[in-house]
C-alpha atoms as a PDB file:
ATOM      1  CA  MET A   1      -0.050   0.050   0.010  1.00  0.00           C
ATOM      2  CA  ARG A   2       1.270   3.494  -0.967  1.00  0.00           C
ATOM      3  CA  ASP A   3       2.025   5.710   1.948  1.00  0.00           C
ATOM      4  CA  SER A   4      -0.571   8.500   1.762  1.00  0.00           C
ATOM      5  CA  ARG A   5      -2.896  10.578   3.790  1.00  0.00           C
ATOM      6  CA  GLU A   6      -5.810   8.247   3.153  1.00  0.00           C
ATOM      7  CA  SER A   7      -3.650   5.201   4.396  1.00  0.00           C
ATOM      8  CA  ARG A   8      -2.604   6.971   7.590  1.00  0.00           C
ATOM      9  CA  LEU A   9      -6.275   7.878   8.394  1.00  0.00           C
ATOM     10  CA  LEU A  10      -7.308   4.262   7.833  1.00  0.00           C
ATOM     11  CA  LEU A  11      -4.578   3.034  10.242  1.00  0.00           C
ATOM     12  CA  VAL A  12      -5.620   5.529  12.894  1.00  0.00           C
ATOM     13  CA  LEU A  13      -9.294   4.433  12.483  1.00  0.00           C
ATOM     14  CA  LEU A  14      -8.398   0.830  12.824  1.00  0.00           C
ATOM     15  CA  VAL A  15      -6.413   1.537  15.940  1.00  0.00           C
ATOM     16  CA  ALA A  16      -9.422   3.455  17.522  1.00  0.00           C
ATOM     17  CA  ILE A  17     -11.823   0.643  16.622  1.00  0.00           C
ATOM     18  CA  ALA A  18      -9.371  -1.856  18.275  1.00  0.00           C
ATOM     19  CA  PHE A  19      -9.057   0.106  21.521  1.00  0.00           C
ATOM     20  CA  ALA A  20     -12.954   0.531  21.577  1.00  0.00           C
ATOM     21  CA  LEU A  21     -13.492  -3.163  21.184  1.00  0.00           C
ATOM     22  CA  ILE A  22     -10.927  -3.917  23.951  1.00  0.00           C
ATOM     23  CA  THR A  23     -12.744  -1.455  26.158  1.00  0.00           C
ATOM     24  CA  VAL A  24     -16.087  -2.852  25.639  1.00  0.00           C
ATOM     25  CA  ASP A  25     -14.756  -6.445  26.111  1.00  0.00           C
ATOM     26  CA  LEU A  26     -12.997  -5.569  29.460  1.00  0.00           C
ATOM     27  CA  ARG A  27     -16.087  -3.613  30.775  1.00  0.00           C
ATOM     28  CA  GLY A  28     -18.458  -6.585  29.872  1.00  0.00           C
ATOM     29  CA  GLY A  29     -16.440  -9.264  31.771  1.00  0.00           C
ATOM     30  CA  GLU A  30     -18.049 -12.587  31.589  1.00  0.00           C
ATOM     31  CA  GLN A  31     -21.005 -11.109  29.851  1.00  0.00           C
ATOM     32  CA  SER A  32     -19.087  -9.417  27.113  1.00  0.00           C
ATOM     33  CA  PRO A  33     -20.947  -8.901  23.809  1.00  0.00           C
ATOM     34  CA  LEU A  34     -17.837 -10.054  21.970  1.00  0.00           C
ATOM     35  CA  ASP A  35     -17.911 -13.640  23.324  1.00  0.00           C
ATOM     36  CA  GLY A  36     -19.964 -14.913  20.291  1.00  0.00           C
ATOM     37  CA  ALA A  37     -17.484 -13.428  17.982  1.00  0.00           C
ATOM     38  CA  ARG A  38     -14.465 -14.797  19.881  1.00  0.00           C
ATOM     39  CA  GLY A  39     -15.964 -18.229  19.831  1.00  0.00           C
ATOM     40  CA  ALA A  40     -16.599 -18.109  16.070  1.00  0.00           C
ATOM     41  CA  ALA A  41     -13.062 -16.959  15.460  1.00  0.00           C
ATOM     42  CA  ALA A  42     -11.696 -19.832  17.710  1.00  0.00           C
ATOM     43  CA  SER A  43     -13.830 -22.390  15.806  1.00  0.00           C
ATOM     44  CA  ALA A  44     -12.537 -21.170  12.502  1.00  0.00           C
ATOM     45  CA  LEU A  45      -8.863 -20.583  13.371  1.00  0.00           C
ATOM     46  CA  GLY A  46      -8.380 -23.515  15.728  1.00  0.00           C
ATOM     47  CA  PRO A  47      -7.698 -26.227  13.266  1.00  0.00           C
ATOM     48  CA  VAL A  48      -5.236 -23.894  11.457  1.00  0.00           C
ATOM     49  CA  GLU A  49      -3.522 -23.058  14.875  1.00  0.00           C
ATOM     50  CA  LYS A  50      -3.296 -26.826  15.695  1.00  0.00           C
ATOM     51  CA  GLY A  51      -1.787 -27.731  12.318  1.00  0.00           C
ATOM     52  CA  VAL A  52       0.759 -25.070  12.513  1.00  0.00           C
ATOM     53  CA  ALA A  53       1.614 -26.144  16.103  1.00  0.00           C
ATOM     54  CA  SER A  54       1.971 -29.726  14.916  1.00  0.00           C
ATOM     55  CA  ALA A  55       4.326 -28.685  12.120  1.00  0.00           C
ATOM     56  CA  VAL A  56       6.435 -26.503  14.542  1.00  0.00           C
ATOM     57  CA  ASP A  57       6.740 -28.660  17.496  1.00  0.00           C
ATOM     58  CA  PRO A  58       9.272 -31.293  16.099  1.00  0.00           C
ATOM     59  CA  VAL A  59      11.343 -28.384  15.120  1.00  0.00           C
ATOM     60  CA  GLY A  60      11.222 -27.019  18.592  1.00  0.00           C
ATOM     61  CA  ASN A  61      11.884 -30.343  20.276  1.00  0.00           C
ATOM     62  CA  ALA A  62      14.768 -30.958  18.020  1.00  0.00           C
ATOM     63  CA  ILE A  63      16.246 -27.488  19.012  1.00  0.00           C
ATOM     64  CA  GLY A  64      15.561 -28.336  22.725  1.00  0.00           C
ATOM     65  CA  ALA A  65      17.270 -31.871  22.131  1.00  0.00           C
ATOM     66  CA  VAL A  66      20.358 -30.384  20.576  1.00  0.00           C
ATOM     67  CA  ARG A  67      20.402 -27.717  23.381  1.00  0.00           C
ATOM     68  CA  ASP A  68      20.193 -30.422  26.174  1.00  0.00           C
ATOM     69  CA  SER A  69      22.258 -33.155  24.246  1.00  0.00           C
ATOM     70  CA  GLY A  70      25.503 -31.845  25.865  1.00  0.00           C
ATOM     71  CA  ALA A  71      24.194 -32.042  29.578  1.00  0.00           C
ATOM     72  CA  ARG A  72      22.477 -35.365  28.815  1.00  0.00           C
ATOM     73  CA  HIS A  73      25.895 -36.796  27.468  1.00  0.00           C
ATOM     74  CA  ASP A  74      27.555 -35.602  30.556  1.00  0.00           C
ATOM     75  CA  ARG A  75      25.053 -37.193  32.833  1.00  0.00           C
ATOM     76  CA  ILE A  76      25.434 -40.514  30.970  1.00  0.00           C
ATOM     77  CA  SER A  77      29.183 -40.409  31.060  1.00  0.00           C
ATOM     78  CA  ARG A  78      29.005 -39.746  34.787  1.00  0.00           C
ATOM     79  CA  LEU A  79      26.603 -42.649  35.485  1.00  0.00           C
ATOM     80  CA  GLU A  80      28.810 -45.076  33.316  1.00  0.00           C
ATOM     81  CA  GLN A  81      31.809 -44.139  35.377  1.00  0.00           C
ATOM     82  CA  GLU A  82      29.931 -44.519  38.621  1.00  0.00           C
ATOM     83  CA  ASN A  83      28.690 -48.077  37.429  1.00  0.00           C
ATOM     84  CA  ALA A  84      32.106 -49.055  36.340  1.00  0.00           C
ATOM     85  CA  ALA A  85      33.604 -47.883  39.783  1.00  0.00           C
ATOM     86  CA  LEU A  86      30.773 -49.831  41.597  1.00  0.00           C
ATOM     87  CA  ARG A  87      31.428 -53.093  39.530  1.00  0.00           C
ATOM     88  CA  GLN A  88      35.218 -52.737  40.256  1.00  0.00           C
ATOM     89  CA  LYS A  89      34.480 -52.253  43.877  1.00  0.00           C
ATOM     90  CA  LEU A  90      32.014 -55.305  44.018  1.00  0.00           C
ATOM     91  CA  GLY A  91      34.568 -57.472  42.225  1.00  0.00           C
ATOM     92  CA  SER A  92      37.342 -56.332  44.463  1.00  0.00           C
ATOM     93  CA  ASP A  93      35.290 -57.113  47.573  1.00  0.00           C
ATOM     94  CA  ASP A  94      34.333 -60.573  46.374  1.00  0.00           C
ATOM     95  CA  ARG A  95      38.059 -61.286  45.599  1.00  0.00           C
ATOM     96  CA  ASN A  96      39.041 -60.044  48.993  1.00  0.00           C
ATOM     97  CA  ARG A  97      36.350 -62.190  50.844  1.00  0.00           C
ATOM     98  CA  SER A  98      37.583 -65.216  48.757  1.00  0.00           C
ATOM     99  CA  ARG A  99      41.198 -64.511  49.818  1.00  0.00           C
ATOM    100  CA  ALA A 100      40.230 -64.078  53.331  1.00  0.00           C
ATOM    101  CA  ARG A 101      38.367 -67.509  53.286  1.00  0.00           C
ATOM    102  CA  GLU A 102      41.415 -69.180  51.765  1.00  0.00           C
ATOM    103  CA  LEU A 103      43.820 -67.603  54.264  1.00  0.00           C
ATOM    104  CA  ASP A 104      41.371 -68.767  57.108  1.00  0.00           C
ATOM    105  CA  ARG A 105      41.586 -72.434  55.775  1.00  0.00           C
ATOM    106  CA  LEU A 106      45.280 -72.113  55.389  1.00  0.00           C
ATOM    107  CA  LEU A 107      45.697 -71.049  59.059  1.00  0.00           C
ATOM    108  CA  LYS A 108      43.310 -73.715  60.236  1.00  0.00           C
ATOM    109  CA  THR A 109      45.360 -76.446  58.435  1.00  0.00           C
ATOM    110  CA  ALA A 110      48.601 -75.068  59.711  1.00  0.00           C
ATOM    111  CA  GLY A 111      47.294 -75.084  63.223  1.00  0.00           C
ATOM    112  CA  ALA A 112      46.032 -78.454  63.056  1.00  0.00           C
ATOM    113  CA  GLY A 113      49.338 -79.795  61.920  1.00  0.00           C
ATOM    114  CA  SER A 114      51.510 -77.373  64.057  1.00  0.00           C
ATOM    115  CA  TYR A 115      53.273 -76.216  60.928  1.00  0.00           C
ATOM    116  CA  GLY A 116      54.931 -72.655  61.027  1.00  0.00           C
ATOM    117  CA  VAL A 117      54.068 -71.266  57.612  1.00  0.00           C
ATOM    118  CA  LYS A 118      54.846 -68.071  55.554  1.00  0.00           C
ATOM    119  CA  GLY A 119      52.046 -67.015  53.510  1.00  0.00           C
ATOM    120  CA  ALA A 120      52.421 -66.147  49.831  1.00  0.00           C
ATOM    121  CA  GLN A 121      50.402 -65.512  46.727  1.00  0.00           C
ATOM    122  CA  VAL A 122      50.637 -67.091  43.297  1.00  0.00           C
ATOM    123  CA  ILE A 123      51.603 -64.505  40.924  1.00  0.00           C
ATOM    124  CA  ALA A 124      52.402 -66.613  37.746  1.00  0.00           C
ATOM    125  CA  ILE A 125      51.839 -69.990  36.405  1.00  0.00           C
ATOM    126  CA  GLY A 126      54.163 -72.106  34.224  1.00  0.00           C
ATOM    127  CA  PRO A 127      53.207 -73.707  30.981  1.00  0.00           C
ATOM    128  CA  ALA A 128      51.542 -77.077  31.216  1.00  0.00           C
ATOM    129  CA  GLN A 129      52.161 -78.301  27.566  1.00  0.00           C
ATOM    130  CA  GLY A 130      55.402 -80.141  27.551  1.00  0.00           C
ATOM    131  CA  PHE A 131      56.888 -78.276  30.511  1.00  0.00           C
ATOM    132  CA  SER A 132      56.812 -78.751  34.265  1.00  0.00           C
ATOM    133  CA  TRP A 133      53.688 -77.940  36.189  1.00  0.00           C
ATOM    134  CA  THR A 134      54.977 -74.994  38.231  1.00  0.00           C
ATOM    135  CA  VAL A 135      53.892 -71.686  39.873  1.00  0.00           C
ATOM    136  CA  THR A 136      55.725 -68.689  40.954  1.00  0.00           C
ATOM    137  CA  ILE A 137      54.970 -67.076  44.338  1.00  0.00           C
ATOM    138  CA  ASP A 138      55.805 -63.715  45.689  1.00  0.00           C
ATOM    139  CA  ALA A 139      58.165 -64.767  48.609  1.00  0.00           C
ATOM    140  CA  GLY A 140      61.739 -65.646  48.368  1.00  0.00           C
ATOM    141  CA  SER A 141      64.982 -66.043  50.394  1.00  0.00           C
ATOM    142  CA  LYS A 142      64.496 -62.517  52.271  1.00  0.00           C
ATOM    143  CA  ASP A 143      61.194 -64.084  53.709  1.00  0.00           C
ATOM    144  CA  GLY A 144      63.009 -67.095  55.028  1.00  0.00           C
ATOM    145  CA  LEU A 145      62.273 -69.488  52.192  1.00  0.00           C
ATOM    146  CA  ALA A 146      64.630 -72.061  50.907  1.00  0.00           C
ATOM    147  CA  LYS A 147      64.749 -74.945  48.443  1.00  0.00           C
ATOM    148  CA  ASP A 148      62.906 -78.131  49.196  1.00  0.00           C
ATOM    149  CA  MET A 149      60.415 -76.633  51.502  1.00  0.00           C
ATOM    150  CA  THR A 150      56.889 -77.972  51.671  1.00  0.00           C
ATOM    151  CA  VAL A 151      53.962 -75.853  50.030  1.00  0.00           C
ATOM    152  CA  LEU A 152      50.482 -76.221  51.102  1.00  0.00           C
ATOM    153  CA  ASN A 153      47.146 -74.371  51.170  1.00  0.00           C
ATOM    154  CA  GLY A 154      43.993 -74.736  53.292  1.00  0.00           C
ATOM    155  CA  ASP A 155      42.907 -78.002  51.219  1.00  0.00           C
ATOM    156  CA  GLY A 156      46.270 -79.974  51.290  1.00  0.00           C
ATOM    157  CA  LEU A 157      49.607 -80.482  49.609  1.00  0.00           C
ATOM    158  CA  VAL A 158      50.370 -78.007  46.800  1.00  0.00           C
ATOM    159  CA  GLY A 159      54.036 -78.983  46.142  1.00  0.00           C
ATOM    160  CA  ARG A 160      57.563 -78.128  46.938  1.00  0.00           C
ATOM    161  CA  ILE A 161      59.927 -75.318  46.279  1.00  0.00           C
ATOM    162  CA  THR A 162      62.635 -76.028  43.582  1.00  0.00           C
ATOM    163  CA  THR A 163      64.025 -72.565  42.917  1.00  0.00           C
ATOM    164  CA  VAL A 164      64.451 -69.721  45.368  1.00  0.00           C
ATOM    165  CA  GLY A 165      65.161 -65.994  44.320  1.00  0.00           C
ATOM    166  CA  SER A 166      65.335 -62.924  46.433  1.00  0.00           C
ATOM    167  CA  SER A 167      61.543 -62.107  46.461  1.00  0.00           C
ATOM    168  CA  THR A 168      60.048 -64.865  44.356  1.00  0.00           C
ATOM    169  CA  SER A 169      60.246 -68.733  44.400  1.00  0.00           C
ATOM    170  CA  THR A 170      59.234 -71.471  41.996  1.00  0.00           C
ATOM    171  CA  VAL A 171      56.965 -74.254  43.232  1.00  0.00           C
ATOM    172  CA  LEU A 172      56.769 -77.752  41.540  1.00  0.00           C
ATOM    173  CA  LEU A 173      53.190 -78.713  41.845  1.00  0.00           C
ATOM    174  CA  ALA A 174      52.099 -82.128  43.169  1.00  0.00           C
ATOM    175  CA  ASN A 175      50.415 -82.996  39.968  1.00  0.00           C
ATOM    176  CA  ASP A 176      53.704 -82.733  37.873  1.00  0.00           C
ATOM    177  CA  PRO A 177      54.578 -86.153  36.349  1.00  0.00           C
ATOM    178  CA  ASP A 178      57.973 -85.872  37.732  1.00  0.00           C
ATOM    179  CA  PHE A 179      56.728 -85.082  41.246  1.00  0.00           C
ATOM    180  CA  THR A 180      56.901 -88.053  43.707  1.00  0.00           C
ATOM    181  CA  VAL A 181      55.986 -87.923  47.526  1.00  0.00           C
ATOM    182  CA  GLY A 182      55.697 -90.700  50.154  1.00  0.00           C
ATOM    183  CA  THR A 183      52.272 -91.308  51.432  1.00  0.00           C
ATOM    184  CA  ARG A 184      50.543 -92.959  54.376  1.00  0.00           C
ATOM    185  CA  MET A 185      46.957 -94.240  54.425  1.00  0.00           C
ATOM    186  CA  GLU A 186      44.676 -92.889  57.173  1.00  0.00           C
ATOM    187  CA  LYS A 187      44.247 -95.392  60.052  1.00  0.00           C
ATOM    188  CA  SER A 188      45.694 -98.325  58.300  1.00  0.00           C
ATOM    189  CA  SER A 189      49.059 -96.637  57.937  1.00  0.00           C
ATOM    190  CA  GLU A 190      49.783 -98.446  54.747  1.00  0.00           C
ATOM    191  CA  LEU A 191      52.680 -96.772  52.870  1.00  0.00           C
ATOM    192  CA  GLY A 192      53.187 -95.941  49.280  1.00  0.00           C
ATOM    193  CA  PHE A 193      54.442 -93.458  46.857  1.00  0.00           C
ATOM    194  CA  ALA A 194      52.230 -90.891  44.901  1.00  0.00           C
ATOM    195  CA  THR A 195      53.182 -89.643  41.393  1.00  0.00           C
ATOM    196  CA  GLY A 196      51.788 -86.704  39.671  1.00  0.00           C
ATOM    197  CA  GLY A 197      49.379 -87.363  36.667  1.00  0.00           C
ATOM    198  CA  GLY A 198      49.094 -83.884  35.152  1.00  0.00           C
ATOM    199  CA  ASP A 199      45.542 -83.016  34.648  1.00  0.00           C
ATOM    200  CA  ARG A 200      44.667 -86.603  35.712  1.00  0.00           C
ATOM    201  CA  ALA A 201      44.347 -88.283  39.147  1.00  0.00           C
ATOM    202  CA  LEU A 202      47.553 -88.964  41.164  1.00  0.00           C
ATOM    203  CA  SER A 203      48.839 -92.576  40.937  1.00  0.00           C
ATOM    204  CA  VAL A 204      49.866 -94.227  44.270  1.00  0.00           C
ATOM    205  CA  GLN A 205      51.792 -97.518  44.595  1.00  0.00           C
ATOM    206  CA  LEU A 206      51.110 -99.169  47.849  1.00  0.00           C
ATOM    207  CA  LEU A 207      54.133-101.129  49.187  1.00  0.00           C
ATOM    208  CA  ASN A 208      51.912-103.822  50.342  1.00  0.00           C
ATOM    209  CA  GLY A 209      50.341-105.631  47.424  1.00  0.00           C
ATOM    210  CA  LYS A 210      47.590-107.122  49.711  1.00  0.00           C
ATOM    211  CA  ALA A 211      46.830-103.995  51.430  1.00  0.00           C
ATOM    212  CA  LYS A 212      43.080-103.575  52.111  1.00  0.00           C
ATOM    213  CA  VAL A 213      41.941-100.219  50.605  1.00  0.00           C
ATOM    214  CA  LYS A 214      38.641 -98.970  49.287  1.00  0.00           C
ATOM    215  CA  LYS A 215      37.179 -95.930  47.481  1.00  0.00           C
ATOM    216  CA  GLY A 216      37.125 -92.935  49.790  1.00  0.00           C
ATOM    217  CA  ASP A 217      40.218 -93.837  51.910  1.00  0.00           C
ATOM    218  CA  ARG A 218      42.373 -90.675  52.528  1.00  0.00           C
ATOM    219  CA  LEU A 219      46.113 -90.252  52.423  1.00  0.00           C
ATOM    220  CA  VAL A 220      48.604 -87.910  54.008  1.00  0.00           C
ATOM    221  CA  THR A 221      52.420 -87.357  53.386  1.00  0.00           C
ATOM    222  CA  PHE A 222      54.569 -89.773  55.233  1.00  0.00           C
ATOM    223  CA  GLY A 223      57.438 -86.977  55.791  1.00  0.00           C
ATOM    224  CA  SER A 224      61.006 -86.883  54.627  1.00  0.00           C
ATOM    225  CA  ASN A 225      64.310 -87.037  56.474  1.00  0.00           C
ATOM    226  CA  ALA A 226      64.765 -83.692  58.383  1.00  0.00           C
ATOM    227  CA  ASP A 227      61.344 -82.779  57.103  1.00  0.00           C
ATOM    228  CA  LYS A 228      62.753 -81.819  53.535  1.00  0.00           C
ATOM    229  CA  PRO A 229      61.192 -81.732  51.075  1.00  0.00           C
ATOM    230  CA  PHE A 230      58.084 -82.954  52.882  1.00  0.00           C
ATOM    231  CA  VAL A 231      56.720 -82.542  56.350  1.00  0.00           C
ATOM    232  CA  PRO A 232      54.404 -85.408  57.655  1.00  0.00           C
ATOM    233  CA  GLY A 233      50.660 -85.264  57.895  1.00  0.00           C
ATOM    234  CA  VAL A 234      49.809 -82.990  55.136  1.00  0.00           C
ATOM    235  CA  PRO A 235      46.553 -84.185  53.296  1.00  0.00           C
ATOM    236  CA  VAL A 236      47.064 -85.628  49.893  1.00  0.00           C
ATOM    237  CA  GLY A 237      43.717 -86.746  48.494  1.00  0.00           C
ATOM    238  CA  GLU A 238      41.267 -89.694  48.572  1.00  0.00           C
ATOM    239  CA  VAL A 239      41.106 -92.801  46.744  1.00  0.00           C
ATOM    240  CA  THR A 240      38.814 -92.928  43.689  1.00  0.00           C
ATOM    241  CA  LYS A 241      39.789 -96.315  42.064  1.00  0.00           C
ATOM    242  CA  VAL A 242      41.460 -99.378  43.280  1.00  0.00           C
ATOM    243  CA  ASP A 243      43.418-101.993  41.074  1.00  0.00           C
ATOM    244  CA  ARG A 244      42.004-105.331  41.751  1.00  0.00           C
ATOM    245  CA  HIS A 245      44.984-107.317  40.995  1.00  0.00           C
ATOM    246  CA  ARG A 246      46.744-108.476  44.051  1.00  0.00           C
ATOM    247  CA  GLY A 247      49.340-110.803  42.565  1.00  0.00           C
ATOM    248  CA  ASP A 248      52.054-108.067  42.266  1.00  0.00           C
ATOM    249  CA  LEU A 249      54.260-106.904  45.061  1.00  0.00           C
ATOM    250  CA  THR A 250      52.751-103.487  45.025  1.00  0.00           C
ATOM    251  CA  ARG A 251      49.188-102.269  44.483  1.00  0.00           C
ATOM    252  CA  ALA A 252      48.032 -99.399  42.555  1.00  0.00           C
ATOM    253  CA  VAL A 253      45.380 -96.955  43.348  1.00  0.00           C
ATOM    254  CA  SER A 254      44.129 -93.668  41.905  1.00  0.00           C
ATOM    255  CA  VAL A 255      43.821 -90.716  44.099  1.00  0.00           C
ATOM    256  CA  ARG A 256      41.993 -87.536  43.642  1.00  0.00           C
ATOM    257  CA  PRO A 257      44.125 -84.606  45.087  1.00  0.00           C
ATOM    258  CA  TYR A 258      42.442 -82.284  47.512  1.00  0.00           C
ATOM    259  CA  VAL A 259      44.083 -79.205  45.900  1.00  0.00           C
ATOM    260  CA  GLY A 260      42.617 -77.650  42.676  1.00  0.00           C
ATOM    261  CA  PHE A 261      45.843 -76.831  40.943  1.00  0.00           C
ATOM    262  CA  SER A 262      44.180 -74.651  38.282  1.00  0.00           C
ATOM    263  CA  LYS A 263      42.896 -72.212  40.724  1.00  0.00           C
ATOM    264  CA  LEU A 264      45.713 -71.706  43.219  1.00  0.00           C
ATOM    265  CA  ASP A 265      45.879 -68.316  44.897  1.00  0.00           C
ATOM    266  CA  ILE A 266      46.932 -68.076  48.592  1.00  0.00           C
ATOM    267  CA  VAL A 267      49.480 -70.655  49.603  1.00  0.00           C
ATOM    268  CA  GLY A 268      51.668 -71.390  52.727  1.00  0.00           C
ATOM    269  CA  VAL A 269      55.314 -72.410  52.707  1.00  0.00           C
ATOM    270  CA  VAL A 270      56.209 -74.545  55.761  1.00  0.00           C
ATOM    271  CA  VAL A 271      59.297 -72.670  57.327  1.00  0.00           C
ATOM    272  CA  LYS A 272      59.067 -74.559  60.722  1.00  0.00           C
ATOM    273  CA  PRO A 273      58.202 -78.284  60.752  1.00  0.00           C
ATOM    274  CA  PRO A 274      56.066 -79.762  63.492  1.00  0.00           C
ATOM    275  CA  ARG A 275      57.891 -81.074  66.596  1.00  0.00           C
ATOM    276  CA  SER A 276      56.086 -84.509  66.187  1.00  0.00           C
ATOM    277  CA  ASP A 277      54.299 -86.240  63.437  1.00  0.00           C
ATOM    278  CA  PRO A 278      50.565 -84.929  63.449  1.00  0.00           C
ATOM    279  CA  ARG A 279      49.583 -88.234  61.947  1.00  0.00           C
ATOM    280  CA  ASP A 280      45.781 -87.804  61.019  1.00  0.00           C
ATOM    281  CA  ALA A 281      45.237 -84.656  62.963  1.00  0.00           C
ATOM    282  CA  VAL A 282      44.893 -82.456  59.936  1.00  0.00           C
ATOM    283  CA  LEU A 283      42.551 -84.913  58.161  1.00  0.00           C
ATOM    284  CA  GLU A 284      40.317 -84.958  61.344  1.00  0.00           C
ATOM    285  CA  ALA A 285      40.202 -81.176  61.260  1.00  0.00           C
ATOM    286  CA  LYS A 286      38.897 -81.206  57.615  1.00  0.00           C
ATOM    287  CA  LYS A 287      35.949 -83.318  58.521  1.00  0.00           C
ATOM    288  CA  PRO A 288      32.733 -81.259  58.689  1.00  0.00           C
ATOM    289  CA  GLU A 289      31.287 -81.085  62.101  1.00  0.00           C
ATOM    290  CA  LYS A 290      28.276 -83.411  62.774  1.00  0.00           C
ATOM    291  CA  PRO A 291      25.162 -81.472  63.874  1.00  0.00           C
ATOM    292  CA  THR A 292      24.033 -82.197  67.470  1.00  0.00           C
ATOM    293  CA  PRO A 293      20.925 -84.162  67.566  1.00  0.00           C
ATOM    294  CA  THR A 294      17.892 -82.563  68.964  1.00  0.00           C
ATOM    295  CA  VAL A 295      16.209 -84.500  71.636  1.00  0.00           C
ATOM    296  CA  THR A 296      12.354 -83.824  71.948  1.00  0.00           C
ATOM    297  CA  VAL A 297      10.840 -84.606  75.506  1.00  0.00           C
ATOM    298  CA  THR A 298       7.062 -85.199  75.352  1.00  0.00           C
ATOM    299  CA  ALA A 299       5.381 -85.017  78.727  1.00  0.00           C
ATOM    300  CA  THR A 300       2.878 -87.747  79.640  1.00  0.00           C
ATOM    301  CA  PRO A 301      -0.479 -86.483  80.584  1.00  0.00           C
ATOM    302  CA  GLY A 302      -0.826 -86.265  84.268  1.00  0.00           C
ATOM    303  CA  ALA A 303       2.812 -86.722  84.940  1.00  0.00           C
ATOM    304  CA  PRO A 304       4.579 -84.279  87.240  1.00  0.00           C
ATOM    305  CA  GLU A 305       6.733 -81.680  85.747  1.00  0.00           C
ATOM    306  CA  GLU A 306      10.314 -81.627  86.124  1.00  0.00           C
ATOM    307  CA  GLY A 307      11.443 -80.170  89.633  1.00  0.00           C
ATOM    308  CA  GLU A 308       7.915 -81.047  91.169  1.00  0.00           C
ATOM    309  CA  GLU A 309       7.271 -84.014  93.437  1.00  0.00           C
ATOM    310  CA  ASP A 310       4.330 -86.313  93.102  1.00  0.00           C
ATOM    311  CA  ALA A 311       1.935 -85.759  95.850  1.00  0.00           C
ATOM    312  CA  GLY A 312       1.385 -89.651  96.197  1.00  0.00           C
ATOM    313  CA  GLU A 313       5.087 -90.368  96.514  1.00  0.00           C
ATOM    314  CA  ALA A 314       6.388 -91.489  99.882  1.00  0.00           C
ATOM    315  CA  PRO A 315       8.709 -89.197 101.501  1.00  0.00           C
ATOM    316  CA  GLU A 316      11.322 -91.826 101.910  1.00  0.00           C
ATOM    317  CA  SER A 317      12.569 -94.013  99.019  1.00  0.00           C
ATOM    318  CA  GLY A 318      12.755 -97.083 101.287  1.00  0.00           C
ATOM    319  CA  SER A 319       8.861 -96.832 102.159  1.00  0.00           C
ATOM    320  CA  PRO A 320       6.383 -98.586  99.884  1.00  0.00           C
ATOM    321  CA  PRO A 321       4.140 -96.276  98.013  1.00  0.00           C
ATOM    322  CA  GLY A 322       0.781 -95.514  99.940  1.00  0.00           C
ATOM    323  CA  ASP A 323       2.156 -96.581 103.382  1.00  0.00           C
ATOM    324  CA  ALA A 324       2.665 -94.046 106.006  1.00  0.00           C
ATOM    325  CA  ALA A 325       5.715 -93.873 107.880  1.00  0.00           C
ATOM    326  CA  PRO A 326       5.410 -95.248 111.581  1.00  0.00           C
ATOM    327  CA  PRO A 327       5.099 -92.480 114.210  1.00  0.00           C
ATOM    328  CA  ALA A 328       8.139 -91.640 116.010  1.00  0.00           C
ATOM    329  CA  GLU A 329       8.301 -92.502 119.711  1.00  0.00           C
ATOM    330  CA  GLU A 330       8.374 -89.594 122.166  1.00  0.00           C
ATOM    331  CA  PRO A 331      11.688 -89.061 123.792  1.00  0.00           C
ATOM    332  CA  GLY A 332      11.830 -90.277 127.567  1.00  0.00           C
ATOM    333  CA  THR A 333       8.927 -92.860 127.196  1.00  0.00           C
ATOM    334  CA  THR A 334       9.435 -96.656 127.381  1.00  0.00           C
ATOM    335  CA  PRO A 335       7.123 -99.046 125.389  1.00  0.00           C
ATOM    336  CA  PRO A 336       4.869-101.254 127.484  1.00  0.00           C
ATOM    337  CA  PRO A 337       5.924-104.851 127.644  1.00  0.00           C
ATOM    338  CA  GLU A 338       4.068-107.266 125.374  1.00  0.00           C
ATOM    339  CA  GLY A 339       1.004-108.900 126.888  1.00  0.00           C
ATOM    340  CA  GLN A 340       0.242-105.871 129.119  1.00  0.00           C
END
């Protein structure tokens, strides 16, 4: 529209009409004469407004998402870090609890056998394919360790030390094919020699070919001269298979070792042997405690409760039930002679 005097007058007129309508609407309140016109306009323009809003809302949401994406990313990163720290803490706590249990079993075994032990942790394992079954522990000569010392854990015999460094030592495991240890059967005291079988059971040759042995029998170390390389009484394992041939001078049995050689962690090196052979004391300590049987006492109806006396009972145990005790004679009186 071209700017002219008529256009300016029209603009002023429209503004005046608008102010007039606003004044009439405000003064009318809820009874405003413009309510009908407002409703008609809302009905006509409502669908248009809704369509425009629907078209514009995704754009507004996208703009808001872009604006909040940085803060949201920071929150997600922080939550991921907290979850990772929590998982690490839980894993560390589980490992610490597991090590505490292993150490507790080790101390109980050492106490039962009166062994003085130096605790150590397995820090490396030797190759098992074509090489010796060995592990490396984090204790050495500075900790009082020496070659040919017995190594055990809470379950039983682990092996013996073969090489000692300043702060580490190498342990030959009892399941190594070149490993041999003297054994003694529990109770029967039958002697033999156990040899490692790698990932299989130990093989034990009993010196007595007619020895009575059955599945489930247990063995301990027999001990060595001067307690090196083996102290006596350390649990070795239990019999799983017995050779039925008795014609040979010796008898072979298969023994499942108590120690899980693939999951070693906490071990103990015997730095002080026992003063005397513990015999089967360590095996006895390994037995689970039997639960104490519960005795239930059922009271007989009419029977007196514990601690109460029966009213019909005689006061003296020598008197028959139901009989009264004879009356006591008065002091100073003489009974009359018979017949008077």
